[in-house]
Amino acid sequence: MGVKVLGSLEACRRVAFENVADLAQANIHYAELRFSPGYMAMSHGLPVEGVVEAVIEGVRQGCEHYGVQVRLIGIMSRTFGDKACLQELEGLLAHRDHITAVDLAGDELGFPGDQFLNHFTRARDAGFRVTVHAGEAAGPESIWQAIHELGAERIGHGVKAIQDPALMDYLAEHGIGIESCLTSNIQTSTVASLDVHPLKQFLQHGVMACINTDDPAVQGIELPHEYQVAAPAAGLNADEIRQAQENGLYMAFLSAEEKQALRRKVAG
């Protein structure tokens, strides 16, 4: 069904609310939820900025009801071109007080990062944090570009970093996070099998890698599955799984004070 169920702004609000409900059910205290307002809007011709508003409201209501802490990351869907991404960016900028970061996702090979330099300059100037899907379909050069040209502080997937020793060193030395999505990478054939997934090598090399779900509705999994099933299948031992979890907190788009507060909440 996908975005076809998003026939109204109310549906967008409800889906956002239910995402927070799912987090609470999984006993997750903090999450960064991503959404592409243009992609959500397209099936039924919804206004992009209206989608942004609806998602913000649904998440706000969910956080208030369930006591979960959520930050929002707005995706620019590169697959639809620079003009569509600009429309998404405008919608996000109109509500910058409620959006923490921006991302670039979609067809990495057909729409490389250099087509979106101005978008990310504007995003950074507005104070948005930056994460970019890179090194999933394209090679290490896409990750270098995301870092140096788009200002990425974190990389989504980033599996091809393993092909470039200099990049591995750079990621480790500069604390640039890798958002690993184990099950997703197998389902998309980005990685042949979990036992050859590079996450373990990232951790052993000192790269700031963490464990993520990608899109639970598409992958058919939740975060506990990734920790309890996928990570051990990828060769991670208990200490490495714990390190990946610690990395997730370190990489979070939160202030130092917010991270400490979250740490205390989890410990309590």
Protein backbone atom coordinates (compact mmCIF):
# COMPACT_ATOMS: atom_id res chain seq x y z
CA MET A 1 0.00 0.00 0.00
CA GLY A 2 2.74 2.46 0.97
CA VAL A 3 1.99 6.14 0.48
CA LYS A 4 -1.30 5.33 -1.28
CA VAL A 5 -2.96 5.23 2.15
CA LEU A 6 -1.99 8.88 2.70
CA GLY A 7 -5.12 10.28 1.12
CA SER A 8 -5.39 13.29 3.38
CA LEU A 9 -3.37 15.42 5.75
CA GLU A 10 -5.25 13.75 8.60
CA ALA A 11 -3.93 10.39 7.38
CA CYS A 12 -0.41 11.81 7.44
CA ARG A 13 -0.93 13.02 11.00
CA ARG A 14 -2.31 9.66 12.08
CA VAL A 15 0.56 7.70 10.56
CA ALA A 16 3.05 9.97 12.31
CA PHE A 17 1.23 9.46 15.61
CA GLU A 18 1.16 5.69 15.11
CA ASN A 19 4.90 5.66 14.43
CA VAL A 20 5.43 7.07 17.91
CA ALA A 21 3.02 4.49 19.32
CA ASP A 22 5.13 1.76 17.72
CA LEU A 23 8.26 3.22 19.33
CA ALA A 24 6.62 3.13 22.74
CA GLN A 25 5.51 -0.47 22.23
CA ALA A 26 9.11 -1.41 21.39
CA ASN A 27 10.28 0.33 24.60
CA ILE A 28 12.33 2.87 22.64
CA HIS A 29 13.02 6.06 24.57
CA TYR A 30 14.41 8.19 21.74
CA ALA A 31 14.16 8.05 17.97
CA GLU A 32 14.86 10.15 14.93
CA LEU A 33 12.05 9.67 12.44
CA ARG A 34 12.56 10.51 8.77
CA PHE A 35 9.96 11.46 6.25
CA SER A 36 9.94 12.70 2.69
CA PRO A 37 7.12 15.27 2.50
CA GLY A 38 7.13 15.29 -1.30
CA TYR A 39 6.91 11.52 -1.55
CA MET A 40 4.13 11.42 1.02
CA ALA A 41 2.24 14.15 -0.84
CA MET A 42 2.47 12.88 -4.40
CA SER A 43 -0.07 10.04 -4.61
CA HIS A 44 -3.02 12.27 -3.71
CA GLY A 45 -1.68 15.70 -4.63
CA LEU A 46 -1.38 16.91 -1.06
CA PRO A 47 0.41 20.19 -0.30
CA VAL A 48 4.01 19.50 0.67
CA GLU A 49 4.10 22.06 3.47
CA GLY A 50 0.79 20.71 4.74
CA VAL A 51 2.34 17.25 4.99
CA VAL A 52 5.21 18.69 7.02
CA GLU A 53 2.73 20.34 9.38
CA ALA A 54 0.69 17.14 9.71
CA VAL A 55 3.73 15.01 10.51
CA ILE A 56 4.97 17.51 13.08
CA GLU A 57 1.56 17.55 14.77
CA GLY A 58 1.19 13.77 14.77
CA VAL A 59 4.63 13.31 16.30
CA ARG A 60 3.97 16.03 18.87
CA GLN A 61 0.75 14.33 19.94
CA GLY A 62 2.43 10.93 20.04
CA CYS A 63 5.33 12.15 22.15
CA GLU A 64 2.95 13.86 24.56
CA HIS A 65 0.79 10.75 24.86
CA TYR A 66 3.50 8.09 25.11
CA GLY A 67 6.41 9.95 26.68
CA VAL A 68 8.79 9.10 23.84
CA GLN A 69 11.36 11.65 22.68
CA VAL A 70 11.48 12.13 18.90
CA ARG A 71 13.41 14.35 16.53
CA LEU A 72 12.36 14.74 12.89
CA ILE A 73 14.62 14.47 9.85
CA GLY A 74 13.22 15.75 6.58
CA ILE A 75 14.21 13.78 3.50
CA MET A 76 14.76 15.32 0.11
CA SER A 77 13.95 12.55 -2.37
CA ARG A 78 16.63 12.95 -5.02
CA THR A 79 14.84 10.51 -7.35
CA PHE A 80 12.33 13.23 -8.27
CA GLY A 81 14.95 15.83 -9.18
CA ASP A 82 16.32 19.06 -7.81
CA LYS A 83 13.11 21.09 -8.21
CA ALA A 84 11.04 18.59 -6.25
CA CYS A 85 13.74 18.52 -3.58
CA LEU A 86 13.68 22.30 -3.44
CA GLN A 87 9.94 22.19 -2.79
CA GLU A 88 10.54 19.72 0.03
CA LEU A 89 13.27 21.92 1.47
CA GLU A 90 11.01 24.97 1.39
CA GLY A 91 8.35 23.06 3.31
CA LEU A 92 10.91 22.00 5.91
CA LEU A 93 12.39 25.48 6.23
CA ALA A 94 8.93 26.89 6.90
CA HIS A 95 8.88 24.77 10.06
CA ARG A 96 12.56 24.77 10.93
CA ASP A 97 11.88 25.01 14.67
CA HIS A 98 10.37 21.52 14.55
CA ILE A 99 12.81 19.86 12.13
CA THR A 100 16.24 18.80 13.38
CA ALA A 101 18.03 17.65 10.24
CA VAL A 102 17.80 16.99 6.52
CA ASP A 103 18.68 13.92 4.51
CA LEU A 104 19.09 13.06 0.83
CA ALA A 105 17.72 9.68 -0.21
CA GLY A 106 16.65 7.85 -3.34
CA ASP A 107 18.43 7.10 -6.61
CA GLU A 108 22.05 7.66 -5.64
CA LEU A 109 23.45 6.67 -9.05
CA GLY A 110 21.07 8.70 -11.21
CA PHE A 111 21.04 11.79 -9.01
CA PRO A 112 24.47 12.29 -7.42
CA GLY A 113 25.02 14.71 -4.58
CA ASP A 114 26.54 17.47 -6.68
CA GLN A 115 23.07 18.21 -8.08
CA PHE A 116 21.97 19.36 -4.62
CA LEU A 117 24.80 21.60 -3.43
CA ASN A 118 22.60 24.69 -3.12
CA HIS A 119 19.94 22.75 -1.24
CA PHE A 120 22.40 21.71 1.42
CA THR A 121 24.02 25.11 1.65
CA ARG A 122 20.61 26.56 2.46
CA ALA A 123 19.87 23.75 4.89
CA ARG A 124 23.12 24.21 6.79
CA ASP A 125 22.69 27.99 6.83
CA ALA A 126 19.27 27.45 8.42
CA GLY A 127 20.87 25.42 11.19
CA PHE A 128 19.78 21.96 10.08
CA ARG A 129 22.02 19.01 10.92
CA VAL A 130 22.92 16.85 7.92
CA THR A 131 22.85 13.14 7.18
CA VAL A 132 23.00 11.70 3.65
CA HIS A 133 22.24 8.30 2.15
CA ALA A 134 25.50 7.41 0.40
CA GLY A 135 27.67 4.40 -0.38
CA GLU A 136 24.64 2.17 -0.79
CA ALA A 137 24.24 1.94 -4.57
CA ALA A 138 27.24 4.11 -5.47
CA GLY A 139 30.81 3.65 -4.28
CA PRO A 140 33.06 5.35 -1.73
CA GLU A 141 33.24 8.48 -3.89
CA SER A 142 29.59 9.15 -3.05
CA ILE A 143 30.43 9.13 0.66
CA TRP A 144 33.38 11.49 0.17
CA GLN A 145 31.09 13.82 -1.76
CA ALA A 146 28.40 13.70 0.92
CA ILE A 147 30.96 14.68 3.54
CA HIS A 148 32.96 17.33 1.71
CA GLU A 149 30.31 18.87 -0.56
CA LEU A 150 27.04 18.39 1.31
CA GLY A 151 28.37 18.67 4.85
CA ALA A 152 27.21 15.25 6.04
CA GLU A 153 27.83 14.53 9.71
CA ARG A 154 26.40 11.04 9.31
CA ILE A 155 26.05 8.62 6.41
CA GLY A 156 23.02 6.43 5.78
CA HIS A 157 24.00 2.83 4.94
CA GLY A 158 27.57 3.63 3.84
CA VAL A 159 28.39 -0.02 3.17
CA LYS A 160 30.78 0.80 0.31
CA ALA A 161 33.08 2.64 2.72
CA ILE A 162 34.68 -0.74 3.35
CA GLN A 163 36.18 -0.55 -0.16
CA ASP A 164 38.31 2.52 0.66
CA PRO A 165 40.85 2.23 3.52
CA ALA A 166 41.51 5.98 3.48
CA LEU A 167 37.79 6.65 3.86
CA MET A 168 37.56 4.18 6.73
CA ASP A 169 40.37 6.03 8.48
CA TYR A 170 38.71 9.38 7.81
CA LEU A 171 35.35 8.26 9.17
CA ALA A 172 36.97 6.96 12.35
CA GLU A 173 39.21 9.98 12.88
CA HIS A 174 36.46 12.55 12.32
CA GLY A 175 33.65 10.75 14.14
CA ILE A 176 31.38 10.62 11.11
CA GLY A 177 28.63 8.17 11.90
CA ILE A 178 27.44 5.27 9.77
CA GLU A 179 23.74 4.44 10.08
CA SER A 180 23.86 0.70 9.37
CA CYS A 181 20.63 -1.00 8.33
CA LEU A 182 21.33 -4.73 8.39
CA THR A 183 18.09 -6.32 7.22
CA SER A 184 17.44 -3.57 4.69
CA ASN A 185 20.86 -4.05 3.09
CA ILE A 186 20.12 -7.74 2.54
CA GLN A 187 16.62 -7.13 1.18
CA THR A 188 17.92 -4.58 -1.34
CA SER A 189 20.85 -6.86 -2.30
CA THR A 190 23.28 -4.13 -1.29
CA VAL A 191 25.02 -6.83 0.75
CA ALA A 192 24.85 -10.50 -0.20
CA SER A 193 24.25 -11.86 3.30
CA LEU A 194 24.48 -10.79 6.92
CA ASP A 195 27.66 -12.76 7.53
CA VAL A 196 29.53 -10.52 5.07
CA HIS A 197 27.96 -7.23 6.19
CA PRO A 198 30.71 -4.67 6.96
CA LEU A 199 29.21 -3.44 10.26
CA LYS A 200 31.53 -5.61 12.36
CA GLN A 201 34.55 -4.30 10.42
CA PHE A 202 33.34 -0.73 10.89
CA LEU A 203 33.20 -1.21 14.65
CA GLN A 204 36.56 -2.95 14.80
CA HIS A 205 38.09 -0.08 12.82
CA GLY A 206 36.72 2.49 15.24
CA VAL A 207 34.09 3.85 12.86
CA MET A 208 31.11 5.36 14.68
CA ALA A 209 28.51 2.89 13.36
CA CYS A 210 25.11 2.18 14.88
CA ILE A 211 22.17 -0.13 14.19
CA ASN A 212 18.97 1.12 12.54
CA THR A 213 15.78 -0.23 10.99
CA ASP A 214 15.67 1.84 7.78
CA ASP A 215 11.91 1.51 7.09
CA PRO A 216 10.15 -0.94 9.45
CA ALA A 217 6.95 -0.95 7.39
CA VAL A 218 8.88 -1.99 4.27
CA GLN A 219 11.41 -4.29 5.90
CA GLY A 220 8.83 -5.95 8.14
CA ILE A 221 11.05 -5.68 11.22
CA GLU A 222 11.45 -3.53 14.33
CA LEU A 223 14.61 -2.38 16.09
CA PRO A 224 14.64 -5.24 18.65
CA HIS A 225 14.90 -7.68 15.73
CA GLU A 226 17.97 -5.90 14.42
CA TYR A 227 19.70 -6.13 17.80
CA GLN A 228 18.58 -9.62 18.76
CA VAL A 229 18.60 -11.42 15.40
CA ALA A 230 20.32 -9.48 12.62
CA ALA A 231 23.32 -8.19 14.58
CA PRO A 232 24.38 -11.64 15.89
CA ALA A 233 23.88 -13.03 12.38
CA ALA A 234 26.26 -10.31 11.16
CA GLY A 235 28.90 -11.64 13.55
CA LEU A 236 28.61 -9.04 16.29
CA ASN A 237 29.30 -10.21 19.83
CA ALA A 238 27.60 -8.75 22.90
CA ASP A 239 30.29 -6.08 23.40
CA GLU A 240 30.06 -4.96 19.77
CA ILE A 241 26.28 -4.77 19.93
CA ARG A 242 26.59 -2.66 23.07
CA GLN A 243 29.16 -0.45 21.32
CA ALA A 244 26.80 0.06 18.38
CA GLN A 245 24.09 1.10 20.81
CA GLU A 246 26.45 3.54 22.54
CA ASN A 247 27.42 4.90 19.13
CA GLY A 248 23.77 5.56 18.37
CA LEU A 249 23.52 7.83 21.39
CA TYR A 250 26.80 9.55 20.55
CA MET A 251 25.64 10.15 16.95
CA ALA A 252 22.18 11.40 17.92
CA PHE A 253 21.29 14.91 16.83
CA LEU A 254 20.99 16.03 20.45
CA SER A 255 22.92 18.43 22.63
CA ALA A 256 25.38 17.06 25.19
CA GLU A 257 22.90 17.92 27.94
CA GLU A 258 20.07 16.10 26.16
CA LYS A 259 22.26 13.03 25.70
CA GLN A 260 23.10 12.98 29.39
CA ALA A 261 19.43 13.31 30.31
CA LEU A 262 18.54 10.45 27.96
CA ARG A 263 21.30 8.32 29.47
CA ARG A 264 19.89 8.92 32.95
CA LYS A 265 16.36 8.12 31.78
CA VAL A 266 17.42 4.80 30.27
CA ALA A 267 19.51 3.90 33.32
CA GLY A 268 16.63 4.74 35.66
